Amino acid sequence: MHAASLAQLVNVIAPIMTEPGGRAWKQTTFHPFALTSRHAAGTVLQLAVESSLVSGDTTAAFAALSAVATLDADKREAVIFAVNRSATDALTLDAAVAGLGSVRVHDPAGPRFLAAGGGKMRAMELHITGDPAADQLLTDDAFALLTGMLLDQQVTMESAFAGPEKIRARIGSIAPAAVAAYEPQAFVEVFKERPAVHRFPGSMAGRVQALAETVQQDWDGDATLIWTKGDPDGPEVLRRLQALPGFGEQKAKIFLALLGKQRGLSASGWREAAGHYGQEDAFLSVADIVSPESLVKVRASKQAAKAAAKAAKG
């Protein structure tokens, strides 16, 4: 097949609807076509999909997982689009992608996890804030996760990583383009609205907008390209993270560890580049929080580190 098109664009199934002299809006059918046109390229792959079944009220049981993938041989990049068709149950996605190079996984909500290199990858739901909506946004949206890491200073981890959901709820989007284009003083007011996004709304609002502008301009508005474009190794991902506004060496290493431990990053040398944050069962940072119990351990290690630093100062 060399071409594909949408039929019956003049009636109610059109992906973009309009009213004479009035508004225009996107229907739900718009988004899968937009994702496909933006990310898919090359050859459509034949997938062997194994999935649990969903029992329909008026239909026969059907597979919960629907997926399609393309392979761009020139870029050595495969893009897998996966949709969970269950209205009630979450799915854990395992993708056997050995030898395919850089891999991105998308669903209609956005990127779920990304990894560079071949092998078997596992998507993990993030559990950082204790707020299901905030955690889901962090799981679904790479820029939201990056923003949470930026906000993680002089406030609790839970508060910092809940910030992106507050921003999204108040301005309607967490997309880099939308955040960067927001009127700066109005964005400060967004941060001040209770519950506040951060205890220092003026400075942190400016830093978030600077981060959004950098991701929009340097990475085509796709934060995941920071750790996937060109199949970078761990040290290169660390260098790219440190080049971002508000990301010093420590913050960049913690985020690199988070990518490796919970986001499926398999870039060679990521553990070494992340330093002690990359160690297994280190319980030193947000990269190690996967449950309430691990959160307690991370808090304890942070308190011990502060106490040691205070004692060293005399």
Protein backbone atom coordinates (compact mmCIF):
# COMPACT_ATOMS: atom_id res chain seq x y z
CA MET A 1 0.00 0.00 0.00
CA HIS A 2 1.43 3.37 -1.03
CA ALA A 3 -1.31 5.70 0.22
CA ALA A 4 -4.12 5.82 2.76
CA SER A 5 -6.92 8.31 3.29
CA LEU A 6 -9.87 9.04 5.51
CA ALA A 7 -13.24 8.45 3.88
CA GLN A 8 -16.43 10.47 4.34
CA LEU A 9 -14.69 13.59 5.61
CA VAL A 10 -17.82 15.65 4.99
CA ASN A 11 -19.96 13.98 7.62
CA VAL A 12 -19.93 13.47 11.37
CA ILE A 13 -16.94 11.12 11.48
CA ALA A 14 -14.53 13.85 10.36
CA PRO A 15 -11.58 14.13 12.82
CA ILE A 16 -11.91 17.94 12.90
CA MET A 17 -15.39 19.39 13.23
CA THR A 18 -16.56 22.95 12.62
CA GLU A 19 -19.68 25.05 13.01
CA PRO A 20 -20.66 27.69 10.41
CA GLY A 21 -19.26 30.96 11.70
CA GLY A 22 -18.39 29.29 14.98
CA ARG A 23 -15.88 27.08 16.69
CA ALA A 24 -13.74 24.18 15.51
CA TRP A 25 -12.72 21.19 17.57
CA LYS A 26 -10.89 17.89 17.36
CA GLN A 27 -12.77 14.65 17.78
CA THR A 28 -11.18 11.67 19.48
CA THR A 29 -10.49 10.12 16.06
CA PHE A 30 -8.08 12.98 15.31
CA HIS A 31 -5.44 11.95 17.81
CA PRO A 32 -4.41 8.49 16.54
CA PHE A 33 -4.08 9.91 13.03
CA ALA A 34 -2.00 12.83 14.34
CA LEU A 35 0.30 10.52 16.31
CA THR A 36 0.75 8.24 13.31
CA SER A 37 1.53 11.04 10.89
CA ARG A 38 4.01 12.58 13.34
CA HIS A 39 5.93 9.50 14.43
CA ALA A 40 5.43 6.56 12.05
CA ALA A 41 7.77 6.06 9.09
CA GLY A 42 9.13 3.26 6.95
CA THR A 43 7.78 -0.28 6.91
CA VAL A 44 4.80 -1.59 8.87
CA LEU A 45 5.95 -4.52 11.01
CA GLN A 46 4.06 -7.74 11.60
CA LEU A 47 3.55 -8.02 15.36
CA ALA A 48 2.89 -11.11 17.45
CA VAL A 49 0.62 -9.67 20.14
CA GLU A 50 -0.37 -11.62 23.23
CA SER A 51 -3.03 -9.99 25.36
CA SER A 52 -5.68 -10.63 27.95
CA LEU A 53 -9.29 -10.46 26.77
CA VAL A 54 -12.00 -7.94 27.55
CA SER A 55 -15.56 -9.22 27.84
CA GLY A 56 -17.98 -7.01 25.94
CA ASP A 57 -21.56 -6.47 27.10
CA THR A 58 -22.98 -6.84 23.61
CA THR A 59 -19.98 -8.20 21.71
CA ALA A 60 -17.69 -11.19 21.83
CA ALA A 61 -14.57 -10.94 23.98
CA PHE A 62 -11.74 -8.97 22.38
CA ALA A 63 -8.04 -8.38 23.03
CA ALA A 64 -7.33 -5.62 25.54
CA LEU A 65 -4.13 -4.63 23.72
CA SER A 66 -4.13 -3.29 20.18
CA ALA A 67 -0.75 -2.39 18.70
CA VAL A 68 0.93 -1.46 15.45
CA ALA A 69 4.58 -0.70 14.72
CA THR A 70 6.72 0.76 11.96
CA LEU A 71 10.44 0.47 11.27
CA ASP A 72 12.51 3.24 9.70
CA ALA A 73 15.49 1.27 8.38
CA ASP A 74 17.52 4.40 7.56
CA LYS A 75 17.25 5.75 11.11
CA ARG A 76 17.15 2.27 12.66
CA GLU A 77 14.15 3.41 14.63
CA ALA A 78 11.00 1.46 15.42
CA VAL A 79 7.87 3.17 16.68
CA ILE A 80 5.26 1.08 18.47
CA PHE A 81 1.75 2.43 19.03
CA ALA A 82 -0.09 0.54 21.78
CA VAL A 83 -3.66 1.09 22.97
CA ASN A 84 -5.25 -0.40 26.06
CA ARG A 85 -8.88 -1.01 25.07
CA SER A 86 -10.01 -1.97 28.55
CA ALA A 87 -12.02 0.72 30.30
CA THR A 88 -11.21 -0.64 33.76
CA ASP A 89 -7.89 -2.50 33.89
CA ALA A 90 -4.33 -1.26 33.43
CA LEU A 91 -1.90 -3.18 31.24
CA THR A 92 1.82 -3.81 31.67
CA LEU A 93 3.50 -3.81 28.27
CA ASP A 94 6.47 -6.04 27.47
CA ALA A 95 8.07 -5.41 24.08
CA ALA A 96 10.72 -7.74 22.65
CA VAL A 97 12.66 -5.37 20.40
CA ALA A 98 16.14 -6.87 20.17
CA GLY A 99 18.12 -5.47 17.27
CA LEU A 100 15.71 -2.68 16.35
CA GLY A 101 17.77 0.26 17.67
CA SER A 102 16.02 3.22 19.35
CA VAL A 103 12.44 2.51 20.35
CA ARG A 104 9.54 4.77 21.27
CA VAL A 105 6.25 3.52 22.63
CA HIS A 106 3.14 5.69 22.33
CA ASP A 107 -0.51 5.49 23.21
CA PRO A 108 -3.18 8.18 22.67
CA ALA A 109 -2.25 9.78 26.01
CA GLY A 110 1.39 10.23 25.04
CA PRO A 111 4.71 8.43 25.50
CA ARG A 112 4.62 5.76 28.16
CA PHE A 113 8.26 4.82 28.22
CA LEU A 114 11.26 5.06 25.96
CA ALA A 115 14.46 3.12 25.63
CA ALA A 116 17.56 3.25 23.47
CA GLY A 117 19.03 0.02 22.19
CA GLY A 118 17.64 -3.47 21.75
CA GLY A 119 16.48 -5.97 24.32
CA LYS A 120 13.37 -6.41 26.41
CA MET A 121 11.78 -3.36 27.98
CA ARG A 122 9.14 -3.06 30.66
CA ALA A 123 6.87 -0.07 31.19
CA MET A 124 6.51 0.92 34.83
CA GLU A 125 3.78 3.03 36.34
CA LEU A 126 5.29 5.78 38.50
CA HIS A 127 4.22 6.11 42.13
CA ILE A 128 5.88 9.24 43.50
CA THR A 129 3.29 11.75 44.69
CA GLY A 130 0.52 9.67 46.26
CA ASP A 131 -1.93 11.43 43.93
CA PRO A 132 -3.16 9.04 41.21
CA ALA A 133 -3.78 11.83 38.67
CA ALA A 134 -0.37 13.40 39.23
CA ASP A 135 1.40 10.03 39.06
CA GLN A 136 -0.45 9.11 35.87
CA LEU A 137 0.65 12.33 34.20
CA LEU A 138 4.26 11.63 35.17
CA THR A 139 3.92 8.14 33.70
CA ASP A 140 2.32 9.36 30.49
CA ASP A 141 4.21 12.55 29.74
CA ALA A 142 8.00 12.84 29.56
CA PHE A 143 8.03 16.64 29.80
CA ALA A 144 5.86 16.47 32.92
CA LEU A 145 8.39 14.11 34.48
CA LEU A 146 11.26 16.39 33.47
CA THR A 147 9.40 19.37 34.98
CA GLY A 148 8.82 17.50 38.23
CA MET A 149 12.56 16.85 38.45
CA LEU A 150 13.26 20.54 37.88
CA LEU A 151 10.84 21.51 40.67
CA ASP A 152 12.43 19.04 43.09
CA GLN A 153 14.36 21.50 45.24
CA GLN A 154 13.56 23.05 48.60
CA VAL A 155 10.22 21.25 48.70
CA THR A 156 9.25 17.63 49.33
CA MET A 157 9.58 15.20 46.43
CA GLU A 158 5.85 14.55 46.51
CA SER A 159 5.07 18.25 46.22
CA ALA A 160 7.60 18.82 43.45
CA PHE A 161 6.38 15.99 41.24
CA ALA A 162 2.73 16.92 41.85
CA GLY A 163 3.52 20.32 40.30
CA PRO A 164 3.13 19.32 36.63
CA GLU A 165 -0.45 18.12 37.19
CA LYS A 166 -1.31 21.41 38.91
CA ILE A 167 0.09 23.30 35.91
CA ARG A 168 -1.79 21.10 33.45
CA ALA A 169 -5.06 21.49 35.34
CA ARG A 170 -4.72 25.29 35.53
CA ILE A 171 -3.59 26.16 31.99
CA GLY A 172 -5.05 23.17 30.18
CA SER A 173 -1.77 21.65 28.98
CA ILE A 174 1.72 20.62 30.05
CA ALA A 175 3.02 20.59 26.47
CA PRO A 176 6.32 22.50 26.12
CA ALA A 177 4.89 24.79 23.43
CA ALA A 178 1.94 25.78 25.63
CA VAL A 179 4.07 26.35 28.73
CA ALA A 180 6.72 28.35 26.85
CA ALA A 181 4.10 30.57 25.19
CA TYR A 182 2.21 31.39 28.39
CA GLU A 183 2.41 35.02 29.49
CA PRO A 184 5.21 35.05 32.12
CA GLN A 185 3.48 37.05 34.85
CA ALA A 186 0.29 35.06 34.39
CA PHE A 187 2.35 31.88 34.69
CA VAL A 188 3.72 33.12 38.02
CA GLU A 189 0.11 33.55 39.18
CA VAL A 190 -0.55 29.94 38.12
CA PHE A 191 2.28 28.93 40.46
CA LYS A 192 0.89 31.04 43.31
CA GLU A 193 -2.63 29.64 43.12
CA ARG A 194 -3.34 27.45 46.15
CA PRO A 195 -2.21 24.82 46.56
CA ALA A 196 0.95 26.42 45.21
CA VAL A 197 3.01 24.68 42.55
CA HIS A 198 6.19 25.63 44.45
CA ARG A 199 7.16 27.64 47.51
CA PHE A 200 9.19 30.00 45.27
CA PRO A 201 6.68 30.76 42.51
CA GLY A 202 8.53 33.60 40.79
CA SER A 203 11.87 31.94 40.21
CA MET A 204 10.54 28.44 39.59
CA ALA A 205 7.88 29.58 37.12
CA GLY A 206 10.62 31.24 35.10
CA ARG A 207 12.78 28.12 35.21
CA VAL A 208 9.92 25.89 34.04
CA GLN A 209 9.22 28.21 31.13
CA ALA A 210 12.94 28.28 30.24
CA LEU A 211 12.97 24.48 30.29
CA ALA A 212 9.86 24.35 28.10
CA GLU A 213 11.37 26.79 25.59
CA THR A 214 14.58 24.73 25.39
CA VAL A 215 12.69 21.47 24.84
CA GLN A 216 10.48 23.13 22.22
CA GLN A 217 13.34 24.75 20.30
CA ASP A 218 16.17 22.25 20.70
CA TRP A 219 14.22 18.99 20.85
CA ASP A 220 11.20 19.66 18.61
CA GLY A 221 8.90 19.80 21.62
CA ASP A 222 9.58 16.14 22.44
CA ALA A 223 11.43 15.71 25.73
CA THR A 224 12.04 12.04 25.04
CA LEU A 225 14.43 12.94 22.23
CA ILE A 226 16.87 14.13 24.89
CA TRP A 227 17.59 10.53 25.82
CA THR A 228 16.75 8.74 22.56
CA LYS A 229 17.80 10.82 19.56
CA GLY A 230 20.86 9.31 17.91
CA ASP A 231 20.87 6.32 20.29
CA PRO A 232 23.11 8.10 22.87
CA ASP A 233 25.07 6.31 25.58
CA GLY A 234 24.73 7.11 29.28
CA PRO A 235 27.42 9.81 29.44
CA GLU A 236 25.88 11.59 26.44
CA VAL A 237 22.39 11.51 27.99
CA LEU A 238 23.90 12.98 31.16
CA ARG A 239 25.60 15.73 29.14
CA ARG A 240 22.30 16.59 27.42
CA LEU A 241 20.45 16.71 30.73
CA GLN A 242 23.07 18.97 32.30
CA ALA A 243 22.67 21.37 29.38
CA LEU A 244 19.00 21.94 30.30
CA PRO A 245 18.01 25.07 32.27
CA GLY A 246 17.95 24.34 36.00
CA PHE A 247 19.70 20.96 35.74
CA GLY A 248 23.00 20.77 37.56
CA GLU A 249 25.16 17.67 37.81
CA GLN A 250 23.33 16.12 40.77
CA LYS A 251 19.85 16.71 39.35
CA ALA A 252 20.92 15.36 35.96
CA LYS A 253 22.38 12.22 37.53
CA ILE A 254 19.22 11.58 39.56
CA PHE A 255 17.03 11.98 36.49
CA LEU A 256 19.32 9.69 34.48
CA ALA A 257 18.96 7.08 37.24
CA LEU A 258 15.18 7.53 37.13
CA LEU A 259 15.18 6.92 33.38
CA GLY A 260 17.29 3.79 33.77
CA LYS A 261 15.53 2.31 36.79
CA GLN A 262 11.90 3.10 35.97
CA ARG A 263 11.58 4.39 32.40
CA GLY A 264 13.23 1.56 30.49
CA LEU A 265 16.37 3.41 29.39
CA SER A 266 19.02 0.91 28.36
CA ALA A 267 21.72 3.30 27.10
CA SER A 268 25.12 1.76 27.67
CA GLY A 269 26.91 3.11 30.73
CA TRP A 270 23.91 4.86 32.26
CA ARG A 271 24.52 3.40 35.74
CA GLU A 272 28.14 4.52 35.76
CA ALA A 273 27.19 7.97 34.46
CA ALA A 274 24.54 8.32 37.19
CA GLY A 275 27.13 7.62 39.89
CA HIS A 276 25.86 6.24 43.18
CA TYR A 277 22.29 7.15 42.18
CA GLY A 278 22.49 4.40 39.58
CA GLN A 279 23.27 1.63 42.07
CA GLU A 280 20.69 -1.10 42.63
CA ASP A 281 18.60 -0.68 45.80
CA ALA A 282 20.41 2.55 46.65
CA PHE A 283 17.28 4.31 48.00
CA LEU A 284 18.97 7.67 47.58
CA SER A 285 16.56 9.60 45.36
CA VAL A 286 13.25 9.73 43.53
CA ALA A 287 14.72 7.19 41.10
CA ASP A 288 14.26 4.53 43.80
CA ILE A 289 10.66 5.30 44.79
CA VAL A 290 8.34 2.54 43.64
CA SER A 291 6.17 2.10 46.75
CA PRO A 292 5.32 3.74 50.09
CA GLU A 293 7.97 1.54 51.71
CA SER A 294 10.71 2.67 49.33
CA LEU A 295 9.65 6.30 49.85
CA VAL A 296 10.29 5.85 53.59
CA LYS A 297 13.76 4.44 52.84
CA VAL A 298 14.61 7.33 50.51
CA ARG A 299 13.48 9.87 53.11
CA ALA A 300 15.62 8.16 55.74
CA SER A 301 18.71 8.22 53.52
CA LYS A 302 18.17 11.91 52.72
CA GLN A 303 17.82 12.75 56.41
CA ALA A 304 20.98 10.79 57.22
CA ALA A 305 22.89 12.61 54.48
CA LYS A 306 21.75 16.00 55.81
CA ALA A 307 22.73 15.04 59.34
CA ALA A 308 26.17 13.91 58.18
CA ALA A 309 26.69 17.11 56.23
CA LYS A 310 25.67 19.20 59.26
CA ALA A 311 28.00 17.25 61.53
CA ALA A 312 30.87 17.72 59.09
CA LYS A 313 30.43 21.48 59.28
CA GLY A 314 30.83 21.28 63.03
